[in-house]
Amino acid sequence: MKAKQIKYEALVRAYSKDLYRYGYWLCHDKHVAEDLVQETFLRAWRSIESLQDESAAKSWLITILRRENARRFERKQFNLVDIEESYVPDHISTSTEQEMENHLLRRHIGKLEMEYREPILLQVIGGFSGEEIANILELNKNTVMTRLFRARNQLKDVLEDKNELKGIKNG
């Protein structure tokens, strides 16, 4: 029991911030993200013996978190309303222009279709490789690489269009 607890506490210390960041990107709600992380670690505790390869712990936890997030939608019926995505600033002090660019990028990532958004978030926020993302999302690696390529191109196109408009207004 002591070894299980030590292993569990090490997982919590090592991955709770990454899980929270990813959970927040999925749901855009601080409290829901905290609940997702808590449920993820609860499920991890119950089945920690099934984690054979500790180098795969982060992928294992992200997979649990994704499934917990999916369970939220199985349990509830939501009233959907079109509203502007709220902005939660980073706690890093940056220039106002940088904050605006970060917000713009987050907004455009959030507008990507889920099939493109999820892999790009796992790569950018989670730091996962294409192969790890494929395992987490239970997809072929080539499919993941294609989705990452398309997501980056969509973001690039949108951001280039914004820069062209900025140049017209300023020029």
N, C-alpha and C. Protein backbone atom coordinates (compact mmCIF):
# COMPACT_ATOMS: atom_id res chain seq x y z
N MET A 1 0.84 -1.20 0.00
CA MET A 1 0.00 0.00 0.00
C MET A 1 0.87 1.25 0.00
N LYS A 2 1.97 1.21 0.72
CA LYS A 2 2.87 2.36 0.80
C LYS A 2 3.49 2.66 -0.56
N ALA A 3 3.89 1.63 -1.29
CA ALA A 3 4.49 1.81 -2.62
C ALA A 3 3.47 2.42 -3.58
N LYS A 4 2.21 1.98 -3.47
CA LYS A 4 1.15 2.54 -4.31
C LYS A 4 0.97 4.02 -4.04
N GLN A 5 0.98 4.38 -2.76
CA GLN A 5 0.80 5.78 -2.38
C GLN A 5 1.97 6.64 -2.86
N ILE A 6 3.18 6.14 -2.74
CA ILE A 6 4.37 6.89 -3.20
C ILE A 6 4.31 7.10 -4.71
N LYS A 7 3.95 6.05 -5.44
CA LYS A 7 3.83 6.13 -6.90
C LYS A 7 2.75 7.15 -7.29
N TYR A 8 1.63 7.08 -6.59
CA TYR A 8 0.51 8.00 -6.86
C TYR A 8 0.91 9.45 -6.58
N GLU A 9 1.51 9.70 -5.45
CA GLU A 9 1.92 11.07 -5.10
C GLU A 9 2.93 11.63 -6.09
N ALA A 10 3.80 10.78 -6.60
CA ALA A 10 4.77 11.21 -7.60
C ALA A 10 4.05 11.61 -8.89
N LEU A 11 3.02 10.86 -9.27
CA LEU A 11 2.23 11.21 -10.46
C LEU A 11 1.52 12.55 -10.28
N VAL A 12 0.94 12.76 -9.12
CA VAL A 12 0.22 14.01 -8.86
C VAL A 12 1.18 15.19 -8.94
N ARG A 13 2.33 15.07 -8.27
CA ARG A 13 3.32 16.17 -8.31
C ARG A 13 3.81 16.44 -9.72
N ALA A 14 4.06 15.40 -10.47
CA ALA A 14 4.67 15.56 -11.78
C ALA A 14 3.69 16.06 -12.85
N TYR A 15 2.42 15.69 -12.76
CA TYR A 15 1.54 15.93 -13.89
C TYR A 15 0.29 16.76 -13.61
N SER A 16 0.05 17.18 -12.39
CA SER A 16 -1.20 17.88 -12.10
C SER A 16 -1.31 19.20 -12.88
N LYS A 17 -0.23 19.94 -13.02
CA LYS A 17 -0.30 21.22 -13.76
C LYS A 17 -0.57 20.98 -15.24
N ASP A 18 0.09 19.99 -15.83
CA ASP A 18 -0.13 19.69 -17.24
C ASP A 18 -1.57 19.23 -17.47
N LEU A 19 -2.08 18.40 -16.58
CA LEU A 19 -3.46 17.93 -16.72
C LEU A 19 -4.45 19.08 -16.58
N TYR A 20 -4.18 19.98 -15.64
CA TYR A 20 -5.07 21.13 -15.47
C TYR A 20 -5.07 22.00 -16.73
N ARG A 21 -3.90 22.28 -17.27
CA ARG A 21 -3.81 23.10 -18.48
C ARG A 21 -4.60 22.46 -19.62
N TYR A 22 -4.41 21.17 -19.81
CA TYR A 22 -5.12 20.49 -20.89
C TYR A 22 -6.63 20.46 -20.61
N GLY A 23 -7.00 20.18 -19.38
CA GLY A 23 -8.41 20.17 -19.01
C GLY A 23 -9.07 21.53 -19.22
N TYR A 24 -8.33 22.59 -18.90
CA TYR A 24 -8.87 23.93 -19.10
C TYR A 24 -9.08 24.21 -20.59
N TRP A 25 -8.13 23.78 -21.41
CA TRP A 25 -8.28 23.97 -22.86
C TRP A 25 -9.49 23.21 -23.38
N LEU A 26 -9.82 22.09 -22.79
CA LEU A 26 -10.97 21.31 -23.25
C LEU A 26 -12.29 21.94 -22.86
N CYS A 27 -12.38 22.47 -21.65
CA CYS A 27 -13.68 22.92 -21.15
C CYS A 27 -13.81 24.43 -20.96
N HIS A 28 -12.70 25.15 -20.91
CA HIS A 28 -12.70 26.62 -20.75
C HIS A 28 -13.37 27.07 -19.45
N ASP A 29 -13.27 26.25 -18.43
CA ASP A 29 -13.86 26.58 -17.14
C ASP A 29 -12.93 26.10 -16.04
N LYS A 30 -12.49 27.02 -15.20
CA LYS A 30 -11.52 26.70 -14.15
C LYS A 30 -12.01 25.59 -13.23
N HIS A 31 -13.24 25.70 -12.79
CA HIS A 31 -13.78 24.74 -11.82
C HIS A 31 -14.00 23.36 -12.45
N VAL A 32 -14.47 23.35 -13.67
CA VAL A 32 -14.67 22.07 -14.36
C VAL A 32 -13.32 21.41 -14.61
N ALA A 33 -12.32 22.22 -15.00
CA ALA A 33 -10.98 21.67 -15.23
C ALA A 33 -10.42 21.07 -13.94
N GLU A 34 -10.63 21.75 -12.82
CA GLU A 34 -10.17 21.21 -11.53
C GLU A 34 -10.88 19.89 -11.22
N ASP A 35 -12.18 19.84 -11.48
CA ASP A 35 -12.93 18.60 -11.25
C ASP A 35 -12.44 17.47 -12.16
N LEU A 36 -12.15 17.81 -13.41
CA LEU A 36 -11.64 16.80 -14.33
C LEU A 36 -10.32 16.22 -13.84
N VAL A 37 -9.44 17.09 -13.37
CA VAL A 37 -8.14 16.64 -12.86
C VAL A 37 -8.33 15.77 -11.63
N GLN A 38 -9.22 16.19 -10.74
CA GLN A 38 -9.48 15.42 -9.52
C GLN A 38 -10.04 14.03 -9.88
N GLU A 39 -11.00 13.98 -10.79
CA GLU A 39 -11.57 12.70 -11.22
C GLU A 39 -10.52 11.83 -11.91
N THR A 40 -9.65 12.48 -12.68
CA THR A 40 -8.58 11.75 -13.36
C THR A 40 -7.67 11.07 -12.35
N PHE A 41 -7.27 11.80 -11.33
CA PHE A 41 -6.39 11.22 -10.33
C PHE A 41 -7.11 10.18 -9.47
N LEU A 42 -8.40 10.35 -9.25
CA LEU A 42 -9.16 9.34 -8.52
C LEU A 42 -9.18 8.02 -9.30
N ARG A 43 -9.45 8.11 -10.60
CA ARG A 43 -9.43 6.90 -11.44
C ARG A 43 -8.02 6.32 -11.54
N ALA A 44 -7.04 7.20 -11.59
CA ALA A 44 -5.65 6.72 -11.64
C ALA A 44 -5.31 5.95 -10.37
N TRP A 45 -5.75 6.44 -9.22
CA TRP A 45 -5.49 5.76 -7.95
C TRP A 45 -6.09 4.35 -7.96
N ARG A 46 -7.32 4.27 -8.46
CA ARG A 46 -8.01 2.98 -8.47
C ARG A 46 -7.33 1.94 -9.36
N SER A 47 -6.67 2.41 -10.42
CA SER A 47 -6.09 1.45 -11.36
C SER A 47 -4.59 1.68 -11.57
N ILE A 48 -3.92 2.20 -10.57
CA ILE A 48 -2.50 2.52 -10.71
C ILE A 48 -1.65 1.27 -10.96
N GLU A 49 -2.14 0.12 -10.53
CA GLU A 49 -1.39 -1.12 -10.78
C GLU A 49 -1.30 -1.45 -12.27
N SER A 50 -2.25 -0.93 -13.06
CA SER A 50 -2.24 -1.22 -14.50
C SER A 50 -1.19 -0.40 -15.25
N LEU A 51 -0.61 0.59 -14.59
CA LEU A 51 0.45 1.40 -15.21
C LEU A 51 1.76 0.64 -15.09
N GLN A 52 2.15 -0.02 -16.16
CA GLN A 52 3.37 -0.83 -16.15
C GLN A 52 4.59 0.01 -16.50
N ASP A 53 4.47 0.88 -17.50
CA ASP A 53 5.59 1.68 -17.99
C ASP A 53 5.43 3.10 -17.48
N GLU A 54 6.25 3.50 -16.53
CA GLU A 54 6.12 4.82 -15.93
C GLU A 54 6.44 5.95 -16.91
N SER A 55 7.15 5.63 -18.00
CA SER A 55 7.43 6.66 -19.00
C SER A 55 6.16 7.00 -19.79
N ALA A 56 5.15 6.17 -19.71
CA ALA A 56 3.88 6.41 -20.39
C ALA A 56 2.83 7.00 -19.45
N ALA A 57 3.23 7.41 -18.27
CA ALA A 57 2.28 7.89 -17.27
C ALA A 57 1.51 9.11 -17.74
N LYS A 58 2.19 10.07 -18.36
CA LYS A 58 1.51 11.29 -18.79
C LYS A 58 0.45 10.97 -19.85
N SER A 59 0.79 10.13 -20.80
CA SER A 59 -0.18 9.74 -21.83
C SER A 59 -1.36 9.01 -21.20
N TRP A 60 -1.08 8.15 -20.26
CA TRP A 60 -2.11 7.39 -19.56
C TRP A 60 -3.07 8.35 -18.84
N LEU A 61 -2.51 9.34 -18.14
CA LEU A 61 -3.34 10.29 -17.41
C LEU A 61 -4.15 11.19 -18.36
N ILE A 62 -3.54 11.62 -19.45
CA ILE A 62 -4.26 12.44 -20.43
C ILE A 62 -5.44 11.66 -21.02
N THR A 63 -5.22 10.38 -21.28
CA THR A 63 -6.29 9.53 -21.80
C THR A 63 -7.43 9.44 -20.80
N ILE A 64 -7.10 9.26 -19.54
CA ILE A 64 -8.12 9.22 -18.50
C ILE A 64 -8.88 10.55 -18.45
N LEU A 65 -8.16 11.66 -18.52
CA LEU A 65 -8.79 12.98 -18.47
C LEU A 65 -9.73 13.18 -19.67
N ARG A 66 -9.30 12.77 -20.85
CA ARG A 66 -10.15 12.88 -22.04
C ARG A 66 -11.44 12.09 -21.86
N ARG A 67 -11.32 10.91 -21.32
CA ARG A 67 -12.51 10.07 -21.11
C ARG A 67 -13.42 10.66 -20.05
N GLU A 68 -12.84 11.25 -19.01
CA GLU A 68 -13.64 11.92 -17.99
C GLU A 68 -14.39 13.10 -18.59
N ASN A 69 -13.72 13.84 -19.45
CA ASN A 69 -14.37 14.96 -20.11
C ASN A 69 -15.53 14.46 -20.98
N ALA A 70 -15.34 13.37 -21.69
CA ALA A 70 -16.41 12.80 -22.52
C ALA A 70 -17.58 12.35 -21.65
N ARG A 71 -17.30 11.83 -20.48
CA ARG A 71 -18.37 11.39 -19.57
C ARG A 71 -19.27 12.55 -19.15
N ARG A 72 -18.68 13.75 -19.06
CA ARG A 72 -19.49 14.93 -18.70
C ARG A 72 -20.62 15.11 -19.69
N PHE A 73 -20.35 14.89 -20.96
CA PHE A 73 -21.35 15.10 -22.00
C PHE A 73 -22.33 13.95 -22.08
N GLU A 74 -21.94 12.78 -21.63
CA GLU A 74 -22.86 11.66 -21.61
C GLU A 74 -23.91 11.85 -20.53
N ARG A 75 -23.54 12.51 -19.44
CA ARG A 75 -24.42 12.67 -18.29
C ARG A 75 -25.37 13.85 -18.42
N LYS A 76 -24.98 14.89 -19.16
CA LYS A 76 -25.75 16.13 -19.16
C LYS A 76 -26.25 16.50 -20.54
N GLN A 77 -27.32 17.26 -20.55
CA GLN A 77 -27.80 17.91 -21.76
C GLN A 77 -27.56 19.41 -21.55
N PHE A 78 -26.84 20.02 -22.48
CA PHE A 78 -26.48 21.42 -22.34
C PHE A 78 -27.36 22.30 -23.20
N ASN A 79 -27.68 23.48 -22.68
CA ASN A 79 -28.31 24.51 -23.48
C ASN A 79 -27.19 25.32 -24.10
N LEU A 80 -27.04 25.21 -25.42
CA LEU A 80 -25.94 25.87 -26.09
C LEU A 80 -26.34 27.27 -26.51
N VAL A 81 -25.46 28.21 -26.23
CA VAL A 81 -25.67 29.60 -26.57
C VAL A 81 -24.40 30.12 -27.21
N ASP A 82 -24.54 30.91 -28.29
CA ASP A 82 -23.36 31.52 -28.89
C ASP A 82 -22.96 32.73 -28.07
N ILE A 83 -21.81 32.62 -27.44
CA ILE A 83 -21.26 33.75 -26.70
C ILE A 83 -19.78 33.84 -27.02
N GLU A 84 -19.22 35.00 -26.83
CA GLU A 84 -17.78 35.20 -27.05
C GLU A 84 -17.03 34.46 -25.97
N GLU A 85 -15.99 33.77 -26.37
CA GLU A 85 -15.15 33.01 -25.45
C GLU A 85 -14.51 33.97 -24.43
N SER A 86 -14.58 33.61 -23.16
CA SER A 86 -14.00 34.49 -22.15
C SER A 86 -12.48 34.38 -22.16
N TYR A 87 -11.86 35.42 -21.74
CA TYR A 87 -10.39 35.50 -21.75
C TYR A 87 -9.87 35.33 -20.34
N VAL A 88 -8.98 34.37 -20.14
CA VAL A 88 -8.32 34.17 -18.87
C VAL A 88 -6.85 34.45 -19.08
N PRO A 89 -6.34 35.55 -18.53
CA PRO A 89 -4.95 35.91 -18.79
C PRO A 89 -3.98 34.95 -18.11
N ASP A 90 -2.82 34.78 -18.73
CA ASP A 90 -1.74 34.03 -18.12
C ASP A 90 -1.22 34.83 -16.94
N HIS A 91 -0.56 34.18 -16.03
CA HIS A 91 -0.01 34.88 -14.88
C HIS A 91 1.41 35.36 -15.16
N ILE A 92 1.80 35.32 -16.42
CA ILE A 92 3.11 35.79 -16.82
C ILE A 92 2.94 37.21 -17.32
N SER A 93 3.76 38.13 -16.85
CA SER A 93 3.61 39.49 -17.31
C SER A 93 4.24 39.63 -18.70
N THR A 94 3.40 40.02 -19.63
CA THR A 94 3.86 40.26 -20.99
C THR A 94 3.31 41.59 -21.44
N SER A 95 3.77 42.04 -22.57
CA SER A 95 3.28 43.31 -23.08
C SER A 95 1.83 43.16 -23.50
N THR A 96 1.13 44.27 -23.58
CA THR A 96 -0.27 44.26 -23.98
C THR A 96 -0.41 43.69 -25.38
N GLU A 97 0.51 44.03 -26.27
CA GLU A 97 0.45 43.51 -27.63
C GLU A 97 0.62 41.99 -27.64
N GLN A 98 1.55 41.49 -26.83
CA GLN A 98 1.76 40.05 -26.74
C GLN A 98 0.53 39.35 -26.17
N GLU A 99 -0.09 39.97 -25.16
CA GLU A 99 -1.31 39.41 -24.58
C GLU A 99 -2.41 39.33 -25.62
N MET A 100 -2.52 40.36 -26.44
CA MET A 100 -3.54 40.37 -27.48
C MET A 100 -3.26 39.28 -28.52
N GLU A 101 -2.01 39.11 -28.89
CA GLU A 101 -1.65 38.06 -29.84
C GLU A 101 -1.91 36.68 -29.26
N ASN A 102 -1.57 36.48 -27.97
CA ASN A 102 -1.83 35.20 -27.31
C ASN A 102 -3.33 34.90 -27.27
N HIS A 103 -4.10 35.93 -26.95
CA HIS A 103 -5.56 35.76 -26.89
C HIS A 103 -6.10 35.41 -28.28
N LEU A 104 -5.61 36.10 -29.29
CA LEU A 104 -6.04 35.83 -30.66
C LEU A 104 -5.72 34.39 -31.06
N LEU A 105 -4.52 33.95 -30.75
CA LEU A 105 -4.12 32.59 -31.08
C LEU A 105 -4.98 31.57 -30.34
N ARG A 106 -5.23 31.79 -29.05
CA ARG A 106 -6.09 30.88 -28.28
C ARG A 106 -7.48 30.82 -28.89
N ARG A 107 -7.99 31.99 -29.26
CA ARG A 107 -9.33 32.04 -29.83
C ARG A 107 -9.41 31.24 -31.13
N HIS A 108 -8.39 31.39 -31.97
CA HIS A 108 -8.41 30.67 -33.24
C HIS A 108 -8.18 29.17 -33.05
N ILE A 109 -7.35 28.79 -32.08
CA ILE A 109 -7.20 27.36 -31.78
C ILE A 109 -8.54 26.80 -31.30
N GLY A 110 -9.22 27.57 -30.46
CA GLY A 110 -10.52 27.15 -29.96
C GLY A 110 -11.58 27.00 -31.04
N LYS A 111 -11.41 27.70 -32.15
CA LYS A 111 -12.37 27.62 -33.26
C LYS A 111 -12.09 26.47 -34.22
N LEU A 112 -10.92 25.86 -34.09
CA LEU A 112 -10.62 24.71 -34.95
C LEU A 112 -11.59 23.58 -34.64
N GLU A 113 -11.88 22.77 -35.66
CA GLU A 113 -12.71 21.60 -35.41
C GLU A 113 -11.97 20.70 -34.41
N MET A 114 -12.72 19.96 -33.60
CA MET A 114 -12.13 19.14 -32.54
C MET A 114 -11.07 18.18 -33.08
N GLU A 115 -11.27 17.64 -34.28
CA GLU A 115 -10.31 16.68 -34.82
C GLU A 115 -8.95 17.33 -35.07
N TYR A 116 -8.90 18.65 -35.24
CA TYR A 116 -7.64 19.36 -35.42
C TYR A 116 -7.17 20.01 -34.11
N ARG A 117 -8.13 20.47 -33.32
CA ARG A 117 -7.79 21.17 -32.09
C ARG A 117 -7.11 20.25 -31.08
N GLU A 118 -7.65 19.06 -30.91
CA GLU A 118 -7.13 18.17 -29.89
C GLU A 118 -5.67 17.77 -30.13
N PRO A 119 -5.30 17.35 -31.34
CA PRO A 119 -3.88 17.02 -31.56
C PRO A 119 -2.94 18.21 -31.38
N ILE A 120 -3.35 19.40 -31.84
CA ILE A 120 -2.46 20.56 -31.72
C ILE A 120 -2.30 20.95 -30.25
N LEU A 121 -3.34 20.82 -29.46
CA LEU A 121 -3.24 21.12 -28.03
C LEU A 121 -2.34 20.11 -27.33
N LEU A 122 -2.49 18.85 -27.69
CA LEU A 122 -1.63 17.83 -27.07
C LEU A 122 -0.17 18.06 -27.43
N GLN A 123 0.08 18.54 -28.64
CA GLN A 123 1.46 18.80 -29.04
C GLN A 123 2.00 20.07 -28.38
N VAL A 124 1.22 21.14 -28.42
CA VAL A 124 1.70 22.43 -27.92
C VAL A 124 1.69 22.48 -26.40
N ILE A 125 0.60 22.09 -25.78
CA ILE A 125 0.48 22.18 -24.32
C ILE A 125 1.08 20.97 -23.64
N GLY A 126 0.78 19.79 -24.17
CA GLY A 126 1.26 18.57 -23.53
C GLY A 126 2.68 18.21 -23.89
N GLY A 127 3.17 18.72 -25.01
CA GLY A 127 4.53 18.40 -25.43
C GLY A 127 4.67 16.97 -25.95
N PHE A 128 3.58 16.38 -26.40
CA PHE A 128 3.61 15.01 -26.88
C PHE A 128 4.11 14.92 -28.31
N SER A 129 4.73 13.81 -28.63
CA SER A 129 5.16 13.54 -30.00
C SER A 129 3.95 13.03 -30.80
N GLY A 130 4.12 12.94 -32.11
CA GLY A 130 3.04 12.44 -32.96
C GLY A 130 2.62 11.04 -32.59
N GLU A 131 3.59 10.20 -32.27
CA GLU A 131 3.28 8.82 -31.89
C GLU A 131 2.51 8.77 -30.56
N GLU A 132 2.92 9.59 -29.60
CA GLU A 132 2.22 9.62 -28.31
C GLU A 132 0.78 10.14 -28.49
N ILE A 133 0.62 11.16 -29.33
CA ILE A 133 -0.72 11.70 -29.59
C ILE A 133 -1.58 10.61 -30.24
N ALA A 134 -1.00 9.87 -31.16
CA ALA A 134 -1.73 8.78 -31.81
C ALA A 134 -2.21 7.76 -30.78
N ASN A 135 -1.37 7.42 -29.82
CA ASN A 135 -1.77 6.47 -28.78
C ASN A 135 -2.87 7.04 -27.90
N ILE A 136 -2.75 8.31 -27.53
CA ILE A 136 -3.75 8.94 -26.66
C ILE A 136 -5.10 9.01 -27.36
N LEU A 137 -5.09 9.44 -28.63
CA LEU A 137 -6.33 9.61 -29.36
C LEU A 137 -6.82 8.33 -30.04
N GLU A 138 -6.00 7.27 -29.90
CA GLU A 138 -6.31 5.98 -30.50
C GLU A 138 -6.51 6.11 -32.02
N LEU A 139 -5.53 6.78 -32.64
CA LEU A 139 -5.52 6.99 -34.09
C LEU A 139 -4.22 6.50 -34.67
N ASN A 140 -4.18 6.38 -35.99
CA ASN A 140 -2.97 6.06 -36.70
C ASN A 140 -2.04 7.28 -36.64
N LYS A 141 -0.73 7.04 -36.54
CA LYS A 141 0.22 8.15 -36.44
C LYS A 141 0.14 9.06 -37.67
N ASN A 142 -0.03 8.49 -38.85
CA ASN A 142 -0.12 9.29 -40.07
C ASN A 142 -1.35 10.20 -40.04
N THR A 143 -2.44 9.72 -39.48
CA THR A 143 -3.65 10.53 -39.34
C THR A 143 -3.37 11.72 -38.43
N VAL A 144 -2.68 11.46 -37.32
CA VAL A 144 -2.34 12.53 -36.38
C VAL A 144 -1.44 13.56 -37.05
N MET A 145 -0.43 13.10 -37.77
CA MET A 145 0.49 14.03 -38.42
C MET A 145 -0.23 14.88 -39.47
N THR A 146 -1.17 14.28 -40.18
CA THR A 146 -1.96 15.02 -41.16
C THR A 146 -2.81 16.07 -40.46
N ARG A 147 -3.44 15.70 -39.36
CA ARG A 147 -4.28 16.65 -38.62
C ARG A 147 -3.45 17.79 -38.03
N LEU A 148 -2.26 17.48 -37.54
CA LEU A 148 -1.38 18.53 -37.03
C LEU A 148 -0.99 19.48 -38.15
N PHE A 149 -0.65 18.95 -39.30
CA PHE A 149 -0.27 19.76 -40.46
C PHE A 149 -1.43 20.67 -40.86
N ARG A 150 -2.62 20.11 -40.94
CA ARG A 150 -3.79 20.90 -41.34
C ARG A 150 -4.14 21.96 -40.29
N ALA A 151 -4.02 21.61 -39.03
CA ALA A 151 -4.31 22.58 -37.97
C ALA A 151 -3.35 23.76 -38.04
N ARG A 152 -2.06 23.47 -38.20
CA ARG A 152 -1.08 24.55 -38.30
C ARG A 152 -1.34 25.42 -39.53
N ASN A 153 -1.69 24.78 -40.65
CA ASN A 153 -1.98 25.55 -41.86
C ASN A 153 -3.22 26.42 -41.70
N GLN A 154 -4.25 25.89 -41.05
CA GLN A 154 -5.45 26.69 -40.81
C GLN A 154 -5.14 27.90 -39.93
N LEU A 155 -4.35 27.68 -38.89
CA LEU A 155 -3.96 28.78 -38.01
C LEU A 155 -3.11 29.80 -38.76
N LYS A 156 -2.18 29.30 -39.55
CA LYS A 156 -1.31 30.18 -40.33
C LYS A 156 -2.14 31.04 -41.28
N ASP A 157 -3.08 30.43 -41.99
CA ASP A 157 -3.92 31.16 -42.93
C ASP A 157 -4.73 32.25 -42.24
N VAL A 158 -5.33 31.91 -41.11
CA VAL A 158 -6.14 32.88 -40.38
C VAL A 158 -5.27 34.03 -39.88
N LEU A 159 -4.12 33.70 -39.32
CA LEU A 159 -3.25 34.74 -38.78
C LEU A 159 -2.63 35.60 -39.87
N GLU A 160 -2.32 35.03 -41.02
CA GLU A 160 -1.80 35.82 -42.14
C GLU A 160 -2.87 36.77 -42.66
N ASP A 161 -4.13 36.31 -42.72
CA ASP A 161 -5.23 37.18 -43.14
C ASP A 161 -5.37 38.35 -42.18
N LYS A 162 -5.25 38.09 -40.89
CA LYS A 162 -5.35 39.15 -39.88
C LYS A 162 -4.22 40.16 -40.05
N ASN A 163 -3.00 39.68 -40.31
CA ASN A 163 -1.86 40.57 -40.49
C ASN A 163 -2.02 41.42 -41.74
N GLU A 164 -2.58 40.85 -42.82
CA GLU A 164 -2.80 41.63 -44.04
C GLU A 164 -3.81 42.74 -43.78
N LEU A 165 -4.87 42.43 -43.03
CA LEU A 165 -5.86 43.45 -42.70
C LEU A 165 -5.25 44.53 -41.82
N LYS A 166 -4.38 44.11 -40.88
CA LYS A 166 -3.72 45.07 -40.01
C LYS A 166 -2.87 46.02 -40.83
N GLY A 167 -2.17 45.48 -41.83
CA GLY A 167 -1.32 46.31 -42.69
C GLY A 167 -2.14 47.30 -43.50
N ILE A 168 -3.31 46.89 -43.97
CA ILE A 168 -4.17 47.79 -44.74
C ILE A 168 -4.67 48.93 -43.86
N LYS A 169 -5.07 48.61 -42.64
CA LYS A 169 -5.57 49.64 -41.72
C LYS A 169 -4.46 50.59 -41.30
N ASN A 170 -3.26 50.08 -41.09
CA ASN A 170 -2.16 50.91 -40.62
C ASN A 170 -1.44 51.61 -41.77
N GLY A 171 -1.55 51.12 -42.99
CA GLY A 171 -0.77 51.63 -44.09
C GLY A 171 -1.48 52.67 -44.85
